[in-house]
Amino acid sequence: MRPTALQLIKMVSFDMKIIRRLCLLSALMLTACSSKDGPFLMVETCVFSDAGVSKFVNEMEHISKEHKMHFIDRSAESGREVAALNYSGVERSRGGRVVNVSAVGSDGLSFGATNLGLPHYQIVVGFSEGSDPSKAREFAGEAIRRFQQHWMMKRVPSGAGGRPMSNCH
């Protein structure tokens, strides 16, 4: 039986609510414990495999520990939240682990990474300044160099979010 026009409108409305919730969750994660203006720098990469996802999360955790930052991995919780919303966007259709990790220092310097709203092997990383902008830029450069030892990092244009990479499945 085909859905009525009203049922279709309700389904689209529900899907848009889910998409808005996911976008809000992503934005909150990337700007948590950050300056009022959000990330000063965002980069993205494709890690190409489940092993690459794990390696990326581990690398973020190592970087945060080296800099005495508090590391937070909400990936499992975020995965359950996405499942509870019955979200079935194309980027989640191939399965794969949800990534939602962040770290914050005592001075407010923070960075976070997610693949929400992106193909599951694509990860976007945001860096926020805290109380010392020059220290934050130095930290971001160091973290990006560490990531570049394993993956090609691409700068996300200011004011934009990560866009799905065509070659990242």
N, C-alpha and C. Protein backbone atom coordinates (compact mmCIF):
# COMPACT_ATOMS: atom_id res chain seq x y z
N MET A 1 0.84 -1.18 0.00
CA MET A 1 0.00 0.00 0.00
C MET A 1 0.89 1.25 0.00
N ARG A 2 0.59 2.16 -0.90
CA ARG A 2 1.37 3.39 -1.02
C ARG A 2 0.97 4.39 0.06
N PRO A 3 1.96 5.12 0.60
CA PRO A 3 1.63 6.12 1.62
C PRO A 3 0.87 7.29 1.01
N THR A 4 0.02 7.89 1.83
CA THR A 4 -0.72 9.07 1.39
C THR A 4 0.22 10.27 1.40
N ALA A 5 -0.24 11.35 0.81
CA ALA A 5 0.56 12.58 0.78
C ALA A 5 0.85 13.05 2.20
N LEU A 6 -0.12 12.98 3.08
CA LEU A 6 0.08 13.39 4.47
C LEU A 6 1.12 12.51 5.15
N GLN A 7 1.07 11.21 4.91
CA GLN A 7 2.06 10.30 5.50
C GLN A 7 3.46 10.62 4.98
N LEU A 8 3.57 10.93 3.69
CA LEU A 8 4.87 11.29 3.12
C LEU A 8 5.41 12.57 3.76
N ILE A 9 4.55 13.56 3.95
CA ILE A 9 4.97 14.82 4.58
C ILE A 9 5.46 14.54 6.00
N LYS A 10 4.73 13.70 6.74
CA LYS A 10 5.15 13.36 8.10
C LYS A 10 6.49 12.64 8.10
N MET A 11 6.70 11.72 7.14
CA MET A 11 7.97 10.99 7.07
C MET A 11 9.12 11.95 6.77
N VAL A 12 8.93 12.85 5.81
CA VAL A 12 9.97 13.81 5.47
C VAL A 12 10.24 14.73 6.66
N SER A 13 9.17 15.16 7.32
CA SER A 13 9.33 16.01 8.50
C SER A 13 10.12 15.28 9.58
N PHE A 14 9.82 14.00 9.81
CA PHE A 14 10.53 13.20 10.82
C PHE A 14 12.00 13.06 10.42
N ASP A 15 12.27 12.76 9.14
CA ASP A 15 13.65 12.64 8.68
C ASP A 15 14.42 13.95 8.87
N MET A 16 13.77 15.08 8.60
CA MET A 16 14.43 16.36 8.78
C MET A 16 14.74 16.62 10.25
N LYS A 17 13.84 16.21 11.15
CA LYS A 17 14.09 16.36 12.58
C LYS A 17 15.31 15.53 12.98
N ILE A 18 15.41 14.33 12.45
CA ILE A 18 16.55 13.47 12.76
C ILE A 18 17.83 14.11 12.24
N ILE A 19 17.80 14.58 11.01
CA ILE A 19 18.98 15.20 10.42
C ILE A 19 19.39 16.43 11.24
N ARG A 20 18.41 17.25 11.62
CA ARG A 20 18.73 18.42 12.45
C ARG A 20 19.35 18.00 13.78
N ARG A 21 18.81 16.95 14.40
CA ARG A 21 19.37 16.48 15.67
C ARG A 21 20.80 15.99 15.49
N LEU A 22 21.06 15.26 14.42
CA LEU A 22 22.41 14.77 14.16
C LEU A 22 23.37 15.93 13.90
N CYS A 23 22.93 16.90 13.13
CA CYS A 23 23.78 18.07 12.86
C CYS A 23 24.06 18.82 14.15
N LEU A 24 23.05 18.98 15.00
CA LEU A 24 23.23 19.67 16.26
C LEU A 24 24.21 18.89 17.14
N LEU A 25 24.06 17.56 17.20
CA LEU A 25 24.96 16.73 17.99
C LEU A 25 26.39 16.89 17.49
N SER A 26 26.58 16.87 16.18
CA SER A 26 27.92 17.06 15.61
C SER A 26 28.48 18.42 15.97
N ALA A 27 27.68 19.45 15.79
CA ALA A 27 28.15 20.80 16.07
C ALA A 27 28.48 20.96 17.55
N LEU A 28 27.65 20.40 18.42
CA LEU A 28 27.92 20.50 19.85
C LEU A 28 29.21 19.79 20.21
N MET A 29 29.42 18.62 19.63
CA MET A 29 30.63 17.86 19.94
C MET A 29 31.87 18.64 19.51
N LEU A 30 31.82 19.25 18.34
CA LEU A 30 33.00 19.94 17.83
C LEU A 30 33.27 21.26 18.54
N THR A 31 32.25 21.82 19.19
CA THR A 31 32.47 23.09 19.86
C THR A 31 32.39 22.98 21.37
N ALA A 32 32.24 21.75 21.88
CA ALA A 32 32.16 21.57 23.33
C ALA A 32 33.41 22.12 23.98
N CYS A 33 33.21 22.81 25.06
CA CYS A 33 34.32 23.37 25.84
C CYS A 33 35.21 24.26 24.98
N SER A 34 34.64 24.98 24.07
CA SER A 34 35.44 25.78 23.15
C SER A 34 35.15 27.26 23.34
N SER A 35 35.81 28.03 22.52
CA SER A 35 35.55 29.47 22.56
C SER A 35 34.15 29.75 22.04
N LYS A 36 33.67 30.94 22.29
CA LYS A 36 32.31 31.29 21.88
C LYS A 36 32.15 31.28 20.37
N ASP A 37 33.22 31.37 19.63
CA ASP A 37 33.14 31.41 18.17
C ASP A 37 33.27 30.03 17.53
N GLY A 38 33.41 28.99 18.32
CA GLY A 38 33.54 27.64 17.78
C GLY A 38 34.96 27.37 17.32
N PRO A 39 35.14 26.33 16.53
CA PRO A 39 36.49 25.95 16.09
C PRO A 39 37.16 27.04 15.26
N PHE A 40 38.45 27.28 15.50
CA PHE A 40 39.19 28.23 14.66
C PHE A 40 39.75 27.53 13.44
N LEU A 41 39.78 26.18 13.49
CA LEU A 41 40.32 25.41 12.37
C LEU A 41 39.63 24.05 12.35
N MET A 42 39.27 23.62 11.13
CA MET A 42 38.74 22.28 10.94
C MET A 42 39.46 21.63 9.77
N VAL A 43 39.77 20.34 9.95
CA VAL A 43 40.39 19.54 8.91
C VAL A 43 39.61 18.24 8.79
N GLU A 44 39.75 17.58 7.66
CA GLU A 44 39.07 16.30 7.46
C GLU A 44 40.00 15.33 6.77
N THR A 45 39.66 14.06 6.94
CA THR A 45 40.45 13.00 6.33
C THR A 45 39.58 11.78 6.08
N CYS A 46 40.11 10.86 5.32
CA CYS A 46 39.48 9.56 5.13
C CYS A 46 40.44 8.52 5.68
N VAL A 47 39.98 7.69 6.60
CA VAL A 47 40.85 6.68 7.22
C VAL A 47 40.71 5.31 6.55
N PHE A 48 39.77 5.15 5.62
CA PHE A 48 39.64 4.03 4.68
C PHE A 48 39.28 2.66 5.23
N SER A 49 39.22 2.46 6.55
CA SER A 49 38.89 1.13 7.07
C SER A 49 38.48 1.22 8.54
N ASP A 50 37.90 0.13 9.04
CA ASP A 50 37.58 0.08 10.47
C ASP A 50 38.85 0.17 11.31
N ALA A 51 39.91 -0.47 10.84
CA ALA A 51 41.20 -0.39 11.55
C ALA A 51 41.70 1.06 11.56
N GLY A 52 41.48 1.78 10.46
CA GLY A 52 41.88 3.18 10.39
C GLY A 52 41.09 4.05 11.37
N VAL A 53 39.80 3.74 11.55
CA VAL A 53 38.98 4.47 12.52
C VAL A 53 39.56 4.27 13.92
N SER A 54 39.84 3.02 14.28
CA SER A 54 40.40 2.73 15.60
C SER A 54 41.75 3.41 15.79
N LYS A 55 42.59 3.35 14.76
CA LYS A 55 43.91 3.98 14.83
C LYS A 55 43.78 5.49 15.02
N PHE A 56 42.82 6.11 14.33
CA PHE A 56 42.61 7.55 14.44
C PHE A 56 42.20 7.91 15.87
N VAL A 57 41.23 7.19 16.42
CA VAL A 57 40.77 7.47 17.78
C VAL A 57 41.91 7.27 18.77
N ASN A 58 42.69 6.21 18.59
CA ASN A 58 43.85 5.98 19.47
C ASN A 58 44.86 7.11 19.36
N GLU A 59 45.10 7.59 18.15
CA GLU A 59 46.05 8.69 17.96
C GLU A 59 45.57 9.95 18.66
N MET A 60 44.27 10.23 18.56
CA MET A 60 43.72 11.39 19.27
C MET A 60 43.89 11.24 20.78
N GLU A 61 43.65 10.04 21.26
CA GLU A 61 43.80 9.81 22.70
C GLU A 61 45.26 9.99 23.14
N HIS A 62 46.20 9.48 22.34
CA HIS A 62 47.63 9.65 22.67
C HIS A 62 48.02 11.13 22.68
N ILE A 63 47.57 11.86 21.67
CA ILE A 63 47.89 13.30 21.61
C ILE A 63 47.33 14.00 22.84
N SER A 64 46.10 13.69 23.19
CA SER A 64 45.48 14.37 24.34
C SER A 64 46.22 14.04 25.63
N LYS A 65 46.62 12.80 25.80
CA LYS A 65 47.34 12.43 27.03
C LYS A 65 48.71 13.09 27.10
N GLU A 66 49.39 13.18 25.96
CA GLU A 66 50.70 13.84 25.92
C GLU A 66 50.59 15.31 26.32
N HIS A 67 49.44 15.91 26.06
CA HIS A 67 49.22 17.32 26.37
C HIS A 67 48.39 17.51 27.64
N LYS A 68 48.26 16.43 28.40
CA LYS A 68 47.54 16.47 29.69
C LYS A 68 46.13 17.03 29.54
N MET A 69 45.45 16.56 28.50
CA MET A 69 44.07 16.95 28.24
C MET A 69 43.14 15.83 28.68
N HIS A 70 41.92 16.17 29.01
CA HIS A 70 40.91 15.18 29.37
C HIS A 70 40.28 14.64 28.08
N PHE A 71 40.43 13.34 27.83
CA PHE A 71 39.92 12.71 26.61
C PHE A 71 38.54 12.12 26.87
N ILE A 72 37.62 12.38 25.95
CA ILE A 72 36.24 11.89 26.08
C ILE A 72 35.88 11.14 24.79
N ASP A 73 35.48 9.89 24.94
CA ASP A 73 35.04 9.09 23.79
C ASP A 73 33.56 8.78 23.97
N ARG A 74 32.73 9.49 23.24
CA ARG A 74 31.28 9.28 23.29
C ARG A 74 30.82 8.53 22.05
N SER A 75 31.72 7.84 21.38
CA SER A 75 31.37 7.15 20.14
C SER A 75 30.26 6.11 20.35
N ALA A 76 30.41 5.26 21.34
CA ALA A 76 29.41 4.22 21.57
C ALA A 76 28.06 4.83 21.92
N GLU A 77 28.05 5.81 22.81
CA GLU A 77 26.80 6.46 23.18
C GLU A 77 26.15 7.14 21.98
N SER A 78 26.96 7.81 21.18
CA SER A 78 26.43 8.49 19.99
C SER A 78 25.87 7.47 19.00
N GLY A 79 26.54 6.34 18.88
CA GLY A 79 26.04 5.27 18.01
C GLY A 79 24.67 4.78 18.45
N ARG A 80 24.51 4.62 19.77
CA ARG A 80 23.21 4.20 20.30
C ARG A 80 22.15 5.29 20.08
N GLU A 81 22.55 6.56 20.22
CA GLU A 81 21.61 7.66 20.00
C GLU A 81 21.16 7.71 18.54
N VAL A 82 22.09 7.51 17.63
CA VAL A 82 21.75 7.49 16.20
C VAL A 82 20.80 6.33 15.92
N ALA A 83 21.09 5.16 16.51
CA ALA A 83 20.22 3.99 16.31
C ALA A 83 18.84 4.24 16.90
N ALA A 84 18.77 4.88 18.08
CA ALA A 84 17.48 5.16 18.72
C ALA A 84 16.63 6.11 17.88
N LEU A 85 17.29 6.98 17.11
CA LEU A 85 16.57 7.90 16.24
C LEU A 85 16.10 7.21 14.96
N ASN A 86 16.49 5.94 14.79
CA ASN A 86 16.19 5.20 13.56
C ASN A 86 16.69 5.92 12.33
N TYR A 87 17.82 6.61 12.49
CA TYR A 87 18.39 7.34 11.37
C TYR A 87 18.97 6.36 10.36
N SER A 88 18.62 6.53 9.10
CA SER A 88 19.09 5.60 8.08
C SER A 88 19.65 6.35 6.87
N GLY A 89 20.34 7.46 7.12
CA GLY A 89 20.94 8.21 6.03
C GLY A 89 21.96 7.37 5.28
N VAL A 90 22.20 7.76 4.04
CA VAL A 90 23.10 6.97 3.19
C VAL A 90 24.48 6.81 3.81
N GLU A 91 24.95 7.82 4.56
CA GLU A 91 26.29 7.71 5.15
C GLU A 91 26.34 6.65 6.24
N ARG A 92 25.22 6.26 6.81
CA ARG A 92 25.20 5.22 7.84
C ARG A 92 24.79 3.87 7.25
N SER A 93 24.42 3.84 5.97
CA SER A 93 23.86 2.62 5.38
C SER A 93 24.87 1.48 5.27
N ARG A 94 26.13 1.78 5.28
CA ARG A 94 27.13 0.72 5.18
C ARG A 94 27.62 0.27 6.55
N GLY A 95 26.92 0.70 7.58
CA GLY A 95 27.33 0.33 8.93
C GLY A 95 28.53 1.13 9.35
N GLY A 96 29.38 0.53 10.12
CA GLY A 96 30.58 1.21 10.57
C GLY A 96 30.36 1.93 11.88
N ARG A 97 31.43 2.16 12.55
CA ARG A 97 31.45 2.76 13.87
C ARG A 97 31.21 4.27 13.81
N VAL A 98 30.38 4.78 14.70
CA VAL A 98 30.22 6.22 14.85
C VAL A 98 31.43 6.73 15.62
N VAL A 99 32.00 7.83 15.19
CA VAL A 99 33.12 8.47 15.89
C VAL A 99 32.62 9.78 16.48
N ASN A 100 32.84 9.94 17.78
CA ASN A 100 32.50 11.18 18.47
C ASN A 100 33.44 11.29 19.67
N VAL A 101 34.60 11.88 19.45
CA VAL A 101 35.63 11.98 20.49
C VAL A 101 36.09 13.43 20.62
N SER A 102 36.53 13.78 21.81
CA SER A 102 37.04 15.12 22.03
C SER A 102 38.02 15.11 23.20
N ALA A 103 38.75 16.19 23.32
CA ALA A 103 39.68 16.36 24.44
C ALA A 103 39.75 17.84 24.78
N VAL A 104 39.87 18.11 26.06
CA VAL A 104 39.93 19.51 26.51
C VAL A 104 41.02 19.65 27.56
N GLY A 105 41.76 20.75 27.45
CA GLY A 105 42.80 21.06 28.41
C GLY A 105 42.28 21.98 29.51
N SER A 106 43.08 22.16 30.54
CA SER A 106 42.67 22.99 31.68
C SER A 106 42.47 24.45 31.29
N ASP A 107 43.11 24.88 30.20
CA ASP A 107 42.98 26.27 29.74
C ASP A 107 41.87 26.45 28.70
N GLY A 108 41.09 25.39 28.45
CA GLY A 108 40.00 25.46 27.49
C GLY A 108 40.36 25.06 26.08
N LEU A 109 41.65 24.88 25.80
CA LEU A 109 42.08 24.38 24.49
C LEU A 109 41.41 23.03 24.27
N SER A 110 40.81 22.84 23.11
CA SER A 110 40.12 21.58 22.86
C SER A 110 40.19 21.20 21.39
N PHE A 111 39.99 19.91 21.16
CA PHE A 111 39.79 19.43 19.80
C PHE A 111 38.84 18.25 19.86
N GLY A 112 38.09 18.08 18.79
CA GLY A 112 37.10 17.01 18.73
C GLY A 112 37.01 16.49 17.32
N ALA A 113 36.57 15.24 17.20
CA ALA A 113 36.46 14.61 15.89
C ALA A 113 35.16 13.81 15.80
N THR A 114 34.57 13.81 14.62
CA THR A 114 33.34 13.05 14.40
C THR A 114 33.24 12.62 12.94
N ASN A 115 32.42 11.61 12.73
CA ASN A 115 32.04 11.23 11.37
C ASN A 115 30.53 11.31 11.20
N LEU A 116 29.84 11.90 12.17
CA LEU A 116 28.39 12.05 12.07
C LEU A 116 28.05 12.93 10.86
N GLY A 117 27.14 12.43 10.04
CA GLY A 117 26.73 13.16 8.84
C GLY A 117 27.68 12.97 7.67
N LEU A 118 28.69 12.12 7.84
CA LEU A 118 29.70 11.88 6.80
C LEU A 118 29.81 10.38 6.55
N PRO A 119 30.42 9.98 5.43
CA PRO A 119 30.70 8.55 5.25
C PRO A 119 31.49 8.05 6.46
N HIS A 120 31.25 6.81 6.87
CA HIS A 120 31.78 6.38 8.16
C HIS A 120 33.30 6.32 8.25
N TYR A 121 34.03 6.35 7.14
CA TYR A 121 35.49 6.39 7.22
C TYR A 121 36.04 7.82 7.10
N GLN A 122 35.16 8.78 6.90
CA GLN A 122 35.58 10.18 6.82
C GLN A 122 35.42 10.82 8.19
N ILE A 123 36.44 11.52 8.64
CA ILE A 123 36.43 12.14 9.97
C ILE A 123 36.81 13.60 9.83
N VAL A 124 36.04 14.45 10.51
CA VAL A 124 36.36 15.88 10.57
C VAL A 124 36.82 16.20 11.99
N VAL A 125 37.85 17.04 12.08
CA VAL A 125 38.44 17.42 13.37
C VAL A 125 38.36 18.93 13.50
N GLY A 126 37.86 19.39 14.65
CA GLY A 126 37.80 20.83 14.93
C GLY A 126 38.69 21.18 16.10
N PHE A 127 39.35 22.33 16.02
CA PHE A 127 40.25 22.82 17.08
C PHE A 127 39.71 24.14 17.60
N SER A 128 39.64 24.28 18.94
CA SER A 128 39.17 25.50 19.57
C SER A 128 40.27 26.06 20.47
N GLU A 129 40.31 27.38 20.60
CA GLU A 129 41.45 28.07 21.19
C GLU A 129 41.62 27.96 22.69
N GLY A 130 40.60 28.10 23.45
CA GLY A 130 40.79 28.23 24.88
C GLY A 130 41.32 29.62 25.20
N SER A 131 42.13 29.74 26.24
CA SER A 131 42.58 31.06 26.68
C SER A 131 43.85 31.55 25.99
N ASP A 132 44.52 30.70 25.21
CA ASP A 132 45.80 31.09 24.59
C ASP A 132 45.78 30.75 23.10
N PRO A 133 45.38 31.71 22.25
CA PRO A 133 45.27 31.45 20.81
C PRO A 133 46.57 30.96 20.17
N SER A 134 47.71 31.51 20.56
CA SER A 134 48.97 31.07 19.93
C SER A 134 49.30 29.64 20.32
N LYS A 135 49.05 29.27 21.57
CA LYS A 135 49.27 27.89 22.01
C LYS A 135 48.34 26.94 21.24
N ALA A 136 47.10 27.37 21.03
CA ALA A 136 46.12 26.55 20.32
C ALA A 136 46.56 26.30 18.88
N ARG A 137 47.06 27.32 18.22
CA ARG A 137 47.51 27.16 16.83
C ARG A 137 48.73 26.25 16.76
N GLU A 138 49.62 26.39 17.72
CA GLU A 138 50.79 25.51 17.78
C GLU A 138 50.35 24.06 18.01
N PHE A 139 49.42 23.87 18.93
CA PHE A 139 48.89 22.53 19.21
C PHE A 139 48.22 21.94 17.97
N ALA A 140 47.38 22.72 17.29
CA ALA A 140 46.69 22.23 16.10
C ALA A 140 47.69 21.81 15.03
N GLY A 141 48.73 22.62 14.82
CA GLY A 141 49.75 22.26 13.84
C GLY A 141 50.44 20.95 14.19
N GLU A 142 50.76 20.79 15.46
CA GLU A 142 51.41 19.55 15.90
C GLU A 142 50.48 18.34 15.73
N ALA A 143 49.22 18.49 16.13
CA ALA A 143 48.27 17.39 15.99
C ALA A 143 48.07 17.02 14.52
N ILE A 144 47.94 18.01 13.66
CA ILE A 144 47.75 17.74 12.23
C ILE A 144 48.97 17.05 11.66
N ARG A 145 50.17 17.47 12.05
CA ARG A 145 51.39 16.77 11.58
C ARG A 145 51.38 15.31 12.01
N ARG A 146 50.92 15.05 13.23
CA ARG A 146 50.83 13.66 13.70
C ARG A 146 49.84 12.87 12.85
N PHE A 147 48.68 13.45 12.59
CA PHE A 147 47.69 12.76 11.75
C PHE A 147 48.24 12.53 10.35
N GLN A 148 49.00 13.50 9.82
CA GLN A 148 49.54 13.39 8.46
C GLN A 148 50.57 12.28 8.32
N GLN A 149 51.07 11.77 9.42
CA GLN A 149 51.97 10.62 9.35
C GLN A 149 51.22 9.37 8.86
N HIS A 150 49.89 9.40 8.98
CA HIS A 150 49.07 8.24 8.60
C HIS A 150 48.06 8.54 7.50
N TRP A 151 47.55 9.78 7.47
CA TRP A 151 46.46 10.11 6.56
C TRP A 151 46.68 11.49 5.94
N MET A 152 46.10 11.68 4.77
CA MET A 152 46.13 13.00 4.13
C MET A 152 45.05 13.86 4.79
N MET A 153 45.43 15.01 5.28
CA MET A 153 44.50 15.91 5.95
C MET A 153 44.17 17.07 5.01
N LYS A 154 42.90 17.42 4.95
CA LYS A 154 42.44 18.50 4.09
C LYS A 154 41.76 19.55 4.96
N ARG A 155 42.14 20.80 4.78
CA ARG A 155 41.54 21.90 5.54
C ARG A 155 40.09 22.11 5.08
N VAL A 156 39.19 22.29 6.04
CA VAL A 156 37.80 22.59 5.75
C VAL A 156 37.69 24.11 5.68
N PRO A 157 37.09 24.66 4.62
CA PRO A 157 36.97 26.11 4.51
C PRO A 157 36.28 26.71 5.74
N SER A 158 36.73 27.87 6.15
CA SER A 158 36.17 28.56 7.30
C SER A 158 34.67 28.76 7.12
N GLY A 159 33.91 28.48 8.15
CA GLY A 159 32.47 28.65 8.11
C GLY A 159 31.73 27.49 7.47
N ALA A 160 32.44 26.49 7.01
CA ALA A 160 31.81 25.32 6.38
C ALA A 160 32.00 24.10 7.27
N GLY A 161 31.26 23.09 7.03
CA GLY A 161 31.43 21.81 7.71
C GLY A 161 32.04 20.81 6.76
N GLY A 162 32.35 19.64 7.26
CA GLY A 162 32.86 18.59 6.39
C GLY A 162 31.83 18.20 5.35
N ARG A 163 32.26 17.98 4.15
CA ARG A 163 31.40 17.53 3.05
C ARG A 163 31.82 16.11 2.68
N PRO A 164 30.85 15.24 2.39
CA PRO A 164 31.23 13.86 2.04
C PRO A 164 32.24 13.81 0.89
N MET A 165 33.32 13.05 1.12
CA MET A 165 34.33 12.83 0.10
C MET A 165 33.88 11.69 -0.80
N SER A 166 33.96 11.88 -2.09
CA SER A 166 33.45 10.88 -3.03
C SER A 166 34.22 9.58 -2.98
N ASN A 167 35.48 9.61 -2.60
CA ASN A 167 36.31 8.39 -2.61
C ASN A 167 36.49 7.79 -1.22
N CYS A 168 35.62 8.11 -0.29
CA CYS A 168 35.77 7.66 1.09
C CYS A 168 34.60 6.79 1.49
N HIS A 169 34.70 5.47 1.24
CA HIS A 169 33.60 4.57 1.61
C HIS A 169 34.13 3.52 2.56
